[in-house]
Amino acid sequence: MFRKKPMLASLLMVCLLFLAACTRKTEKLPPLEGDVVELASEFLVLLAAGDYTAAVAYFDAKMQKELPAATLQEAWEAVQLQAGPYEGELAQKTEKLGRFQAVIVTARFAFSHLDIRLTFDSDRRIAGLYFLPAESTVTAEYQPPTYALPAKYSEKSVTVGKGEWALPGTLTVPDGEGP
């Protein structure tokens, strides 16, 4: 399994860094155009491409002051040192948090999956950025291999054991006569 404790400590440190960005009042920037889910995806594309200056432009004024491009780069590289190179988005969900809206992107990295929480203000600017262990691992729906020939076997649901320890399963049996 993955090195969870060191990764958790590093992710917590990165989260604390970003939490500090939400403590002071500064000037207001013009609103960003578009849906927050699309903006979250655009932001992650910029991070993955290493365009930290363009990524910081998505931040509100507080975040821009507390997390400039160089610091964002350090944080992103620290995340990738623990989780491996970024490989893409697996899923997105949104949550309403008072006057904020959060987009939680479950992202695939080479060694693990992380939830990247981007908190948007009413101007659709990023007011918070957190990297957390993924709540659930998103997997693709099972596809049988190309060599599988379903016409040559049958499947039956079975349960092994009883009560609290009953184990459900699927029994696959070839059709036709045995050896």
N, C-alpha and C. Protein backbone atom coordinates (compact mmCIF):
# COMPACT_ATOMS: atom_id res chain seq x y z
N MET A 1 0.85 -1.19 0.00
CA MET A 1 0.00 0.00 0.00
C MET A 1 0.88 1.24 0.00
N PHE A 2 0.31 2.37 -0.11
CA PHE A 2 1.06 3.61 -0.20
C PHE A 2 1.56 4.06 1.16
N ARG A 3 2.54 4.91 1.16
CA ARG A 3 3.08 5.46 2.40
C ARG A 3 2.11 6.50 2.93
N LYS A 4 1.13 6.07 3.70
CA LYS A 4 0.03 6.95 4.10
C LYS A 4 0.41 7.97 5.16
N LYS A 5 1.14 7.59 6.21
CA LYS A 5 1.42 8.52 7.31
C LYS A 5 2.29 9.68 6.86
N PRO A 6 3.42 9.46 6.16
CA PRO A 6 4.20 10.62 5.72
C PRO A 6 3.40 11.48 4.74
N MET A 7 2.61 10.83 3.88
CA MET A 7 1.83 11.58 2.91
C MET A 7 0.79 12.42 3.63
N LEU A 8 0.14 11.85 4.65
CA LEU A 8 -0.87 12.58 5.40
C LEU A 8 -0.26 13.80 6.08
N ALA A 9 0.93 13.63 6.65
CA ALA A 9 1.60 14.75 7.32
C ALA A 9 1.93 15.85 6.32
N SER A 10 2.43 15.47 5.16
CA SER A 10 2.77 16.46 4.13
C SER A 10 1.53 17.17 3.64
N LEU A 11 0.45 16.40 3.41
CA LEU A 11 -0.78 17.02 2.94
C LEU A 11 -1.37 17.96 3.98
N LEU A 12 -1.27 17.59 5.24
CA LEU A 12 -1.75 18.46 6.31
C LEU A 12 -0.97 19.76 6.32
N MET A 13 0.35 19.68 6.13
CA MET A 13 1.19 20.88 6.10
C MET A 13 0.78 21.78 4.94
N VAL A 14 0.54 21.18 3.78
CA VAL A 14 0.13 21.96 2.61
C VAL A 14 -1.22 22.61 2.88
N CYS A 15 -2.15 21.88 3.52
CA CYS A 15 -3.46 22.45 3.85
C CYS A 15 -3.34 23.63 4.80
N LEU A 16 -2.47 23.52 5.78
CA LEU A 16 -2.27 24.62 6.72
C LEU A 16 -1.71 25.85 6.01
N LEU A 17 -0.84 25.62 5.04
CA LEU A 17 -0.30 26.72 4.24
C LEU A 17 -1.44 27.47 3.56
N PHE A 18 -2.37 26.70 2.97
CA PHE A 18 -3.47 27.32 2.25
C PHE A 18 -4.48 27.96 3.19
N LEU A 19 -4.63 27.40 4.38
CA LEU A 19 -5.54 27.97 5.36
C LEU A 19 -5.09 29.37 5.76
N ALA A 20 -3.79 29.56 5.83
CA ALA A 20 -3.26 30.88 6.18
C ALA A 20 -3.66 31.93 5.16
N ALA A 21 -3.94 31.49 3.95
CA ALA A 21 -4.30 32.43 2.89
C ALA A 21 -5.67 33.05 3.12
N CYS A 22 -6.46 32.49 3.97
CA CYS A 22 -7.83 32.96 4.17
C CYS A 22 -7.99 33.86 5.39
N THR A 23 -6.94 34.49 5.88
CA THR A 23 -7.04 35.20 7.15
C THR A 23 -7.11 36.72 7.06
N ARG A 24 -6.72 37.33 5.97
CA ARG A 24 -6.68 38.80 5.91
C ARG A 24 -7.57 39.35 4.80
N LYS A 25 -8.05 40.59 5.02
CA LYS A 25 -8.83 41.26 3.98
C LYS A 25 -7.90 42.04 3.07
N THR A 26 -8.19 41.99 1.77
CA THR A 26 -7.42 42.74 0.78
C THR A 26 -8.38 43.24 -0.29
N GLU A 27 -7.82 43.85 -1.35
CA GLU A 27 -8.66 44.41 -2.39
C GLU A 27 -9.44 43.33 -3.12
N LYS A 28 -10.53 43.74 -3.75
CA LYS A 28 -11.40 42.81 -4.46
C LYS A 28 -11.05 42.81 -5.94
N LEU A 29 -11.00 41.62 -6.53
CA LEU A 29 -10.70 41.45 -7.95
C LEU A 29 -12.00 41.25 -8.72
N PRO A 30 -12.02 41.50 -10.03
CA PRO A 30 -13.24 41.29 -10.80
C PRO A 30 -13.61 39.80 -10.85
N PRO A 31 -14.91 39.52 -10.97
CA PRO A 31 -15.36 38.12 -11.01
C PRO A 31 -14.80 37.38 -12.23
N LEU A 32 -14.64 36.07 -12.10
CA LEU A 32 -14.25 35.24 -13.23
C LEU A 32 -15.51 34.76 -13.94
N GLU A 33 -15.41 34.55 -15.22
CA GLU A 33 -16.54 34.07 -16.02
C GLU A 33 -16.51 32.55 -16.06
N GLY A 34 -17.69 31.94 -16.04
CA GLY A 34 -17.79 30.50 -16.19
C GLY A 34 -18.29 29.80 -14.95
N ASP A 35 -18.53 28.53 -15.11
CA ASP A 35 -19.01 27.66 -14.05
C ASP A 35 -17.84 27.24 -13.16
N VAL A 36 -18.06 27.11 -11.85
CA VAL A 36 -16.97 26.78 -10.94
C VAL A 36 -16.36 25.41 -11.23
N VAL A 37 -17.15 24.47 -11.72
CA VAL A 37 -16.61 23.14 -12.06
C VAL A 37 -15.63 23.27 -13.23
N GLU A 38 -16.01 24.05 -14.24
CA GLU A 38 -15.12 24.27 -15.38
C GLU A 38 -13.87 25.04 -14.94
N LEU A 39 -14.05 26.04 -14.08
CA LEU A 39 -12.91 26.81 -13.58
C LEU A 39 -11.94 25.92 -12.80
N ALA A 40 -12.48 24.99 -12.02
CA ALA A 40 -11.63 24.06 -11.26
C ALA A 40 -10.80 23.21 -12.21
N SER A 41 -11.43 22.70 -13.26
CA SER A 41 -10.69 21.89 -14.25
C SER A 41 -9.62 22.71 -14.95
N GLU A 42 -9.96 23.93 -15.33
CA GLU A 42 -8.98 24.81 -15.99
C GLU A 42 -7.79 25.06 -15.07
N PHE A 43 -8.07 25.31 -13.79
CA PHE A 43 -7.01 25.57 -12.82
C PHE A 43 -6.07 24.37 -12.72
N LEU A 44 -6.63 23.16 -12.64
CA LEU A 44 -5.79 21.96 -12.54
C LEU A 44 -4.97 21.72 -13.80
N VAL A 45 -5.52 22.05 -14.95
CA VAL A 45 -4.76 21.93 -16.21
C VAL A 45 -3.55 22.86 -16.15
N LEU A 46 -3.75 24.07 -15.64
CA LEU A 46 -2.63 25.02 -15.51
C LEU A 46 -1.58 24.51 -14.53
N LEU A 47 -2.02 23.96 -13.39
CA LEU A 47 -1.07 23.40 -12.43
C LEU A 47 -0.26 22.27 -13.06
N ALA A 48 -0.95 21.37 -13.74
CA ALA A 48 -0.29 20.22 -14.36
C ALA A 48 0.71 20.66 -15.42
N ALA A 49 0.40 21.75 -16.11
CA ALA A 49 1.29 22.27 -17.15
C ALA A 49 2.44 23.09 -16.58
N GLY A 50 2.39 23.37 -15.28
CA GLY A 50 3.44 24.16 -14.66
C GLY A 50 3.30 25.65 -14.89
N ASP A 51 2.10 26.10 -15.28
CA ASP A 51 1.85 27.53 -15.51
C ASP A 51 1.28 28.14 -14.23
N TYR A 52 2.13 28.30 -13.24
CA TYR A 52 1.71 28.74 -11.90
C TYR A 52 1.24 30.19 -11.90
N THR A 53 1.83 31.02 -12.73
CA THR A 53 1.41 32.43 -12.80
C THR A 53 -0.03 32.52 -13.29
N ALA A 54 -0.36 31.76 -14.33
CA ALA A 54 -1.74 31.75 -14.84
C ALA A 54 -2.69 31.13 -13.81
N ALA A 55 -2.23 30.12 -13.09
CA ALA A 55 -3.07 29.47 -12.08
C ALA A 55 -3.41 30.44 -10.95
N VAL A 56 -2.43 31.23 -10.52
CA VAL A 56 -2.63 32.20 -9.43
C VAL A 56 -3.67 33.26 -9.83
N ALA A 57 -3.82 33.51 -11.12
CA ALA A 57 -4.81 34.49 -11.59
C ALA A 57 -6.24 34.05 -11.26
N TYR A 58 -6.45 32.78 -10.95
CA TYR A 58 -7.77 32.28 -10.56
C TYR A 58 -8.06 32.54 -9.09
N PHE A 59 -7.05 32.91 -8.31
CA PHE A 59 -7.21 33.14 -6.87
C PHE A 59 -7.89 34.48 -6.60
N ASP A 60 -8.51 34.58 -5.41
CA ASP A 60 -8.97 35.89 -4.95
C ASP A 60 -7.74 36.66 -4.45
N ALA A 61 -7.94 37.92 -4.09
CA ALA A 61 -6.81 38.78 -3.71
C ALA A 61 -6.04 38.23 -2.51
N LYS A 62 -6.76 37.69 -1.52
CA LYS A 62 -6.09 37.13 -0.33
C LYS A 62 -5.17 35.97 -0.71
N MET A 63 -5.69 35.07 -1.52
CA MET A 63 -4.90 33.91 -1.93
C MET A 63 -3.70 34.35 -2.78
N GLN A 64 -3.90 35.33 -3.65
CA GLN A 64 -2.79 35.80 -4.48
C GLN A 64 -1.66 36.35 -3.63
N LYS A 65 -2.04 37.03 -2.54
CA LYS A 65 -1.03 37.61 -1.66
C LYS A 65 -0.32 36.53 -0.84
N GLU A 66 -1.08 35.59 -0.30
CA GLU A 66 -0.53 34.57 0.58
C GLU A 66 0.10 33.39 -0.15
N LEU A 67 -0.33 33.15 -1.38
CA LEU A 67 0.15 31.99 -2.13
C LEU A 67 0.57 32.41 -3.54
N PRO A 68 1.67 33.15 -3.66
CA PRO A 68 2.13 33.57 -4.98
C PRO A 68 2.59 32.36 -5.81
N ALA A 69 2.87 32.61 -7.07
CA ALA A 69 3.20 31.53 -8.01
C ALA A 69 4.34 30.64 -7.51
N ALA A 70 5.39 31.22 -6.95
CA ALA A 70 6.53 30.42 -6.49
C ALA A 70 6.14 29.50 -5.35
N THR A 71 5.30 29.98 -4.44
CA THR A 71 4.86 29.16 -3.31
C THR A 71 3.89 28.08 -3.78
N LEU A 72 3.02 28.43 -4.72
CA LEU A 72 2.11 27.44 -5.31
C LEU A 72 2.91 26.33 -5.99
N GLN A 73 3.95 26.71 -6.70
CA GLN A 73 4.81 25.72 -7.36
C GLN A 73 5.44 24.77 -6.33
N GLU A 74 5.96 25.33 -5.25
CA GLU A 74 6.56 24.50 -4.19
C GLU A 74 5.54 23.53 -3.61
N ALA A 75 4.33 24.03 -3.36
CA ALA A 75 3.29 23.18 -2.78
C ALA A 75 2.89 22.07 -3.74
N TRP A 76 2.70 22.41 -5.02
CA TRP A 76 2.30 21.42 -6.03
C TRP A 76 3.39 20.36 -6.18
N GLU A 77 4.63 20.79 -6.20
CA GLU A 77 5.74 19.83 -6.32
C GLU A 77 5.84 18.95 -5.08
N ALA A 78 5.54 19.50 -3.90
CA ALA A 78 5.55 18.70 -2.67
C ALA A 78 4.46 17.63 -2.70
N VAL A 79 3.29 18.00 -3.20
CA VAL A 79 2.20 17.04 -3.33
C VAL A 79 2.62 15.91 -4.27
N GLN A 80 3.23 16.27 -5.39
CA GLN A 80 3.63 15.25 -6.37
C GLN A 80 4.79 14.39 -5.87
N LEU A 81 5.63 14.93 -4.99
CA LEU A 81 6.68 14.10 -4.40
C LEU A 81 6.07 12.97 -3.58
N GLN A 82 4.97 13.26 -2.89
CA GLN A 82 4.30 12.26 -2.07
C GLN A 82 3.36 11.36 -2.87
N ALA A 83 2.56 11.95 -3.75
CA ALA A 83 1.51 11.20 -4.44
C ALA A 83 1.93 10.72 -5.82
N GLY A 84 3.05 11.21 -6.33
CA GLY A 84 3.49 10.85 -7.68
C GLY A 84 3.00 11.87 -8.68
N PRO A 85 3.44 11.75 -9.92
CA PRO A 85 3.02 12.70 -10.96
C PRO A 85 1.50 12.69 -11.14
N TYR A 86 0.97 13.87 -11.42
CA TYR A 86 -0.47 14.05 -11.65
C TYR A 86 -0.85 13.36 -12.95
N GLU A 87 -1.94 12.58 -12.92
CA GLU A 87 -2.38 11.85 -14.11
C GLU A 87 -3.75 12.28 -14.63
N GLY A 88 -4.52 13.04 -13.84
CA GLY A 88 -5.79 13.52 -14.34
C GLY A 88 -6.92 13.44 -13.32
N GLU A 89 -8.08 13.93 -13.75
CA GLU A 89 -9.27 13.94 -12.91
C GLU A 89 -10.03 12.63 -13.04
N LEU A 90 -10.57 12.17 -11.92
CA LEU A 90 -11.41 10.98 -11.93
C LEU A 90 -12.88 11.34 -11.75
N ALA A 91 -13.16 12.31 -10.88
CA ALA A 91 -14.54 12.69 -10.59
C ALA A 91 -14.56 14.09 -9.99
N GLN A 92 -15.74 14.71 -10.04
CA GLN A 92 -15.94 16.03 -9.44
C GLN A 92 -17.28 16.04 -8.72
N LYS A 93 -17.32 16.77 -7.61
CA LYS A 93 -18.60 17.02 -6.95
C LYS A 93 -18.54 18.42 -6.36
N THR A 94 -19.71 18.99 -6.10
CA THR A 94 -19.77 20.34 -5.55
C THR A 94 -20.51 20.32 -4.21
N GLU A 95 -20.16 21.30 -3.37
CA GLU A 95 -20.83 21.49 -2.08
C GLU A 95 -21.03 22.98 -1.87
N LYS A 96 -22.17 23.35 -1.32
CA LYS A 96 -22.43 24.74 -0.96
C LYS A 96 -22.01 24.94 0.49
N LEU A 97 -21.17 25.95 0.72
CA LEU A 97 -20.66 26.25 2.07
C LEU A 97 -20.94 27.71 2.39
N GLY A 98 -22.18 28.01 2.78
CA GLY A 98 -22.55 29.40 3.04
C GLY A 98 -22.45 30.21 1.76
N ARG A 99 -21.61 31.26 1.78
CA ARG A 99 -21.45 32.09 0.58
C ARG A 99 -20.39 31.53 -0.36
N PHE A 100 -19.82 30.40 0.00
CA PHE A 100 -18.79 29.76 -0.82
C PHE A 100 -19.35 28.50 -1.48
N GLN A 101 -18.72 28.12 -2.57
CA GLN A 101 -19.04 26.86 -3.22
C GLN A 101 -17.74 26.08 -3.39
N ALA A 102 -17.75 24.84 -2.96
CA ALA A 102 -16.54 24.01 -3.07
C ALA A 102 -16.70 23.03 -4.22
N VAL A 103 -15.62 22.85 -4.95
CA VAL A 103 -15.54 21.81 -5.97
C VAL A 103 -14.48 20.84 -5.46
N ILE A 104 -14.88 19.60 -5.29
CA ILE A 104 -13.95 18.56 -4.84
C ILE A 104 -13.64 17.70 -6.05
N VAL A 105 -12.39 17.75 -6.47
CA VAL A 105 -11.94 16.98 -7.62
C VAL A 105 -11.15 15.78 -7.10
N THR A 106 -11.63 14.59 -7.38
CA THR A 106 -10.84 13.40 -7.06
C THR A 106 -9.87 13.22 -8.21
N ALA A 107 -8.59 13.31 -7.88
CA ALA A 107 -7.55 13.30 -8.90
C ALA A 107 -6.68 12.06 -8.76
N ARG A 108 -6.24 11.57 -9.91
CA ARG A 108 -5.34 10.41 -9.92
C ARG A 108 -3.91 10.90 -10.02
N PHE A 109 -3.09 10.42 -9.11
CA PHE A 109 -1.65 10.62 -9.15
C PHE A 109 -1.04 9.22 -9.30
N ALA A 110 0.22 9.13 -9.65
CA ALA A 110 0.84 7.83 -9.92
C ALA A 110 0.77 6.88 -8.73
N PHE A 111 0.88 7.40 -7.49
CA PHE A 111 0.93 6.53 -6.32
C PHE A 111 -0.36 6.49 -5.52
N SER A 112 -1.26 7.43 -5.75
CA SER A 112 -2.50 7.46 -4.97
C SER A 112 -3.51 8.39 -5.62
N HIS A 113 -4.68 8.43 -5.01
CA HIS A 113 -5.72 9.37 -5.42
C HIS A 113 -5.86 10.41 -4.32
N LEU A 114 -6.08 11.66 -4.71
CA LEU A 114 -6.29 12.74 -3.75
C LEU A 114 -7.56 13.49 -4.09
N ASP A 115 -8.20 14.04 -3.06
CA ASP A 115 -9.29 14.98 -3.26
C ASP A 115 -8.69 16.37 -3.22
N ILE A 116 -8.86 17.12 -4.29
CA ILE A 116 -8.39 18.50 -4.35
C ILE A 116 -9.63 19.36 -4.16
N ARG A 117 -9.69 20.05 -3.03
CA ARG A 117 -10.85 20.89 -2.69
C ARG A 117 -10.53 22.32 -3.05
N LEU A 118 -11.29 22.86 -4.00
CA LEU A 118 -11.15 24.25 -4.41
C LEU A 118 -12.40 24.99 -3.93
N THR A 119 -12.22 25.97 -3.05
CA THR A 119 -13.34 26.73 -2.52
C THR A 119 -13.44 28.04 -3.28
N PHE A 120 -14.59 28.27 -3.89
CA PHE A 120 -14.81 29.47 -4.70
C PHE A 120 -15.69 30.45 -3.95
N ASP A 121 -15.35 31.75 -4.07
CA ASP A 121 -16.18 32.80 -3.47
C ASP A 121 -17.30 33.17 -4.43
N SER A 122 -18.09 34.17 -4.08
CA SER A 122 -19.23 34.57 -4.92
C SER A 122 -18.80 35.15 -6.26
N ASP A 123 -17.54 35.53 -6.40
CA ASP A 123 -17.01 36.03 -7.68
C ASP A 123 -16.36 34.92 -8.50
N ARG A 124 -16.57 33.68 -8.07
CA ARG A 124 -16.01 32.50 -8.74
C ARG A 124 -14.48 32.52 -8.78
N ARG A 125 -13.89 33.09 -7.73
CA ARG A 125 -12.43 33.08 -7.57
C ARG A 125 -12.08 32.08 -6.47
N ILE A 126 -10.92 31.45 -6.59
CA ILE A 126 -10.51 30.44 -5.62
C ILE A 126 -10.09 31.13 -4.32
N ALA A 127 -10.82 30.82 -3.25
CA ALA A 127 -10.54 31.40 -1.93
C ALA A 127 -9.93 30.37 -0.99
N GLY A 128 -9.84 29.13 -1.42
CA GLY A 128 -9.24 28.07 -0.61
C GLY A 128 -8.83 26.91 -1.49
N LEU A 129 -7.72 26.29 -1.14
CA LEU A 129 -7.18 25.17 -1.92
C LEU A 129 -6.61 24.15 -0.94
N TYR A 130 -7.12 22.93 -0.98
CA TYR A 130 -6.71 21.89 -0.04
C TYR A 130 -6.46 20.59 -0.79
N PHE A 131 -5.43 19.87 -0.40
CA PHE A 131 -5.12 18.55 -0.94
C PHE A 131 -5.33 17.54 0.18
N LEU A 132 -6.25 16.61 -0.01
CA LEU A 132 -6.61 15.64 1.03
C LEU A 132 -6.61 14.23 0.45
N PRO A 133 -6.39 13.22 1.30
CA PRO A 133 -6.53 11.85 0.80
C PRO A 133 -7.95 11.65 0.27
N ALA A 134 -8.09 10.93 -0.82
CA ALA A 134 -9.40 10.73 -1.44
C ALA A 134 -10.34 10.00 -0.48
N GLU A 135 -11.57 10.48 -0.39
CA GLU A 135 -12.57 9.82 0.45
C GLU A 135 -12.92 8.45 -0.11
N SER A 136 -12.97 8.36 -1.43
CA SER A 136 -13.24 7.08 -2.07
C SER A 136 -12.43 7.00 -3.35
N THR A 137 -12.06 5.80 -3.68
CA THR A 137 -11.31 5.60 -4.92
C THR A 137 -12.31 5.34 -6.02
N VAL A 138 -12.26 6.14 -7.05
CA VAL A 138 -13.16 5.99 -8.18
C VAL A 138 -12.51 5.02 -9.16
N THR A 139 -13.26 4.03 -9.56
CA THR A 139 -12.73 3.08 -10.52
C THR A 139 -13.68 2.99 -11.71
N ALA A 140 -13.14 2.60 -12.82
CA ALA A 140 -13.95 2.45 -14.02
C ALA A 140 -14.82 1.20 -13.89
N GLU A 141 -15.94 1.19 -14.59
CA GLU A 141 -16.80 0.02 -14.59
C GLU A 141 -16.05 -1.16 -15.21
N TYR A 142 -16.26 -2.35 -14.66
CA TYR A 142 -15.55 -3.53 -15.13
C TYR A 142 -15.88 -3.82 -16.59
N GLN A 143 -14.87 -4.08 -17.36
CA GLN A 143 -15.01 -4.51 -18.75
C GLN A 143 -14.31 -5.85 -18.88
N PRO A 144 -15.01 -6.89 -19.35
CA PRO A 144 -14.34 -8.19 -19.48
C PRO A 144 -13.24 -8.11 -20.54
N PRO A 145 -12.21 -8.93 -20.38
CA PRO A 145 -11.13 -8.91 -21.36
C PRO A 145 -11.63 -9.39 -22.73
N THR A 146 -10.93 -9.01 -23.77
CA THR A 146 -11.37 -9.34 -25.14
C THR A 146 -11.40 -10.84 -25.39
N TYR A 147 -10.60 -11.62 -24.67
CA TYR A 147 -10.56 -13.06 -24.89
C TYR A 147 -11.71 -13.79 -24.19
N ALA A 148 -12.46 -13.11 -23.33
CA ALA A 148 -13.58 -13.75 -22.63
C ALA A 148 -14.69 -14.06 -23.63
N LEU A 149 -15.23 -15.26 -23.54
CA LEU A 149 -16.32 -15.69 -24.43
C LEU A 149 -17.53 -16.05 -23.58
N PRO A 150 -18.37 -15.06 -23.24
CA PRO A 150 -19.50 -15.30 -22.33
C PRO A 150 -20.45 -16.39 -22.80
N ALA A 151 -20.50 -16.67 -24.09
CA ALA A 151 -21.39 -17.72 -24.59
C ALA A 151 -20.92 -19.11 -24.16
N LYS A 152 -19.68 -19.24 -23.69
CA LYS A 152 -19.12 -20.55 -23.35
C LYS A 152 -19.12 -20.84 -21.85
N TYR A 153 -19.72 -19.96 -21.05
CA TYR A 153 -19.80 -20.21 -19.61
C TYR A 153 -21.05 -19.57 -19.04
N SER A 154 -21.41 -19.99 -17.83
CA SER A 154 -22.56 -19.38 -17.15
C SER A 154 -22.12 -18.95 -15.76
N GLU A 155 -22.83 -17.97 -15.21
CA GLU A 155 -22.51 -17.44 -13.89
C GLU A 155 -23.71 -17.57 -12.98
N LYS A 156 -23.44 -17.80 -11.71
CA LYS A 156 -24.50 -17.97 -10.73
C LYS A 156 -24.07 -17.28 -9.44
N SER A 157 -24.98 -16.51 -8.82
CA SER A 157 -24.69 -15.87 -7.53
C SER A 157 -24.72 -16.92 -6.44
N VAL A 158 -23.73 -16.85 -5.55
CA VAL A 158 -23.64 -17.81 -4.45
C VAL A 158 -23.29 -17.06 -3.16
N THR A 159 -23.54 -17.70 -2.03
CA THR A 159 -23.14 -17.18 -0.73
C THR A 159 -22.42 -18.30 0.01
N VAL A 160 -21.22 -18.00 0.48
CA VAL A 160 -20.43 -18.96 1.23
C VAL A 160 -20.51 -18.57 2.70
N GLY A 161 -20.90 -19.51 3.55
CA GLY A 161 -21.02 -19.21 4.97
C GLY A 161 -22.41 -18.71 5.31
N LYS A 162 -22.60 -18.40 6.60
CA LYS A 162 -23.91 -17.96 7.07
C LYS A 162 -23.77 -16.82 8.06
N GLY A 163 -24.85 -16.11 8.26
CA GLY A 163 -24.92 -15.07 9.28
C GLY A 163 -23.97 -13.92 9.02
N GLU A 164 -23.31 -13.49 10.11
CA GLU A 164 -22.44 -12.31 10.06
C GLU A 164 -21.28 -12.47 9.09
N TRP A 165 -20.83 -13.70 8.89
CA TRP A 165 -19.64 -13.94 8.06
C TRP A 165 -19.98 -14.44 6.66
N ALA A 166 -21.21 -14.32 6.24
CA ALA A 166 -21.61 -14.76 4.90
C ALA A 166 -20.86 -13.94 3.85
N LEU A 167 -20.32 -14.64 2.87
CA LEU A 167 -19.53 -13.99 1.82
C LEU A 167 -20.21 -14.19 0.47
N PRO A 168 -20.71 -13.11 -0.14
CA PRO A 168 -21.35 -13.25 -1.45
C PRO A 168 -20.29 -13.40 -2.54
N GLY A 169 -20.67 -14.08 -3.61
CA GLY A 169 -19.73 -14.24 -4.72
C GLY A 169 -20.45 -14.65 -5.99
N THR A 170 -19.66 -14.86 -7.02
CA THR A 170 -20.18 -15.31 -8.31
C THR A 170 -19.41 -16.55 -8.71
N LEU A 171 -20.14 -17.62 -9.01
CA LEU A 171 -19.54 -18.87 -9.45
C LEU A 171 -19.63 -18.90 -10.97
N THR A 172 -18.50 -19.05 -11.63
CA THR A 172 -18.45 -19.12 -13.08
C THR A 172 -18.12 -20.55 -13.47
N VAL A 173 -19.00 -21.16 -14.29
CA VAL A 173 -18.84 -22.56 -14.68
C VAL A 173 -18.86 -22.66 -16.20
N PRO A 174 -17.88 -23.40 -16.78
CA PRO A 174 -17.90 -23.57 -18.24
C PRO A 174 -19.11 -24.39 -18.67
N ASP A 175 -19.68 -24.05 -19.80
CA ASP A 175 -20.80 -24.81 -20.36
C ASP A 175 -20.26 -26.07 -21.03
N GLY A 176 -21.11 -27.06 -21.14
CA GLY A 176 -20.71 -28.30 -21.82
C GLY A 176 -20.21 -29.33 -20.84
N GLU A 177 -19.66 -30.42 -21.37
CA GLU A 177 -19.18 -31.53 -20.55
C GLU A 177 -17.76 -31.28 -20.10
N GLY A 178 -17.46 -31.74 -18.91
CA GLY A 178 -16.12 -31.59 -18.36
C GLY A 178 -15.16 -32.64 -18.90
N PRO A 179 -13.97 -32.71 -18.37
CA PRO A 179 -12.96 -33.64 -18.87
C PRO A 179 -13.29 -35.09 -18.68
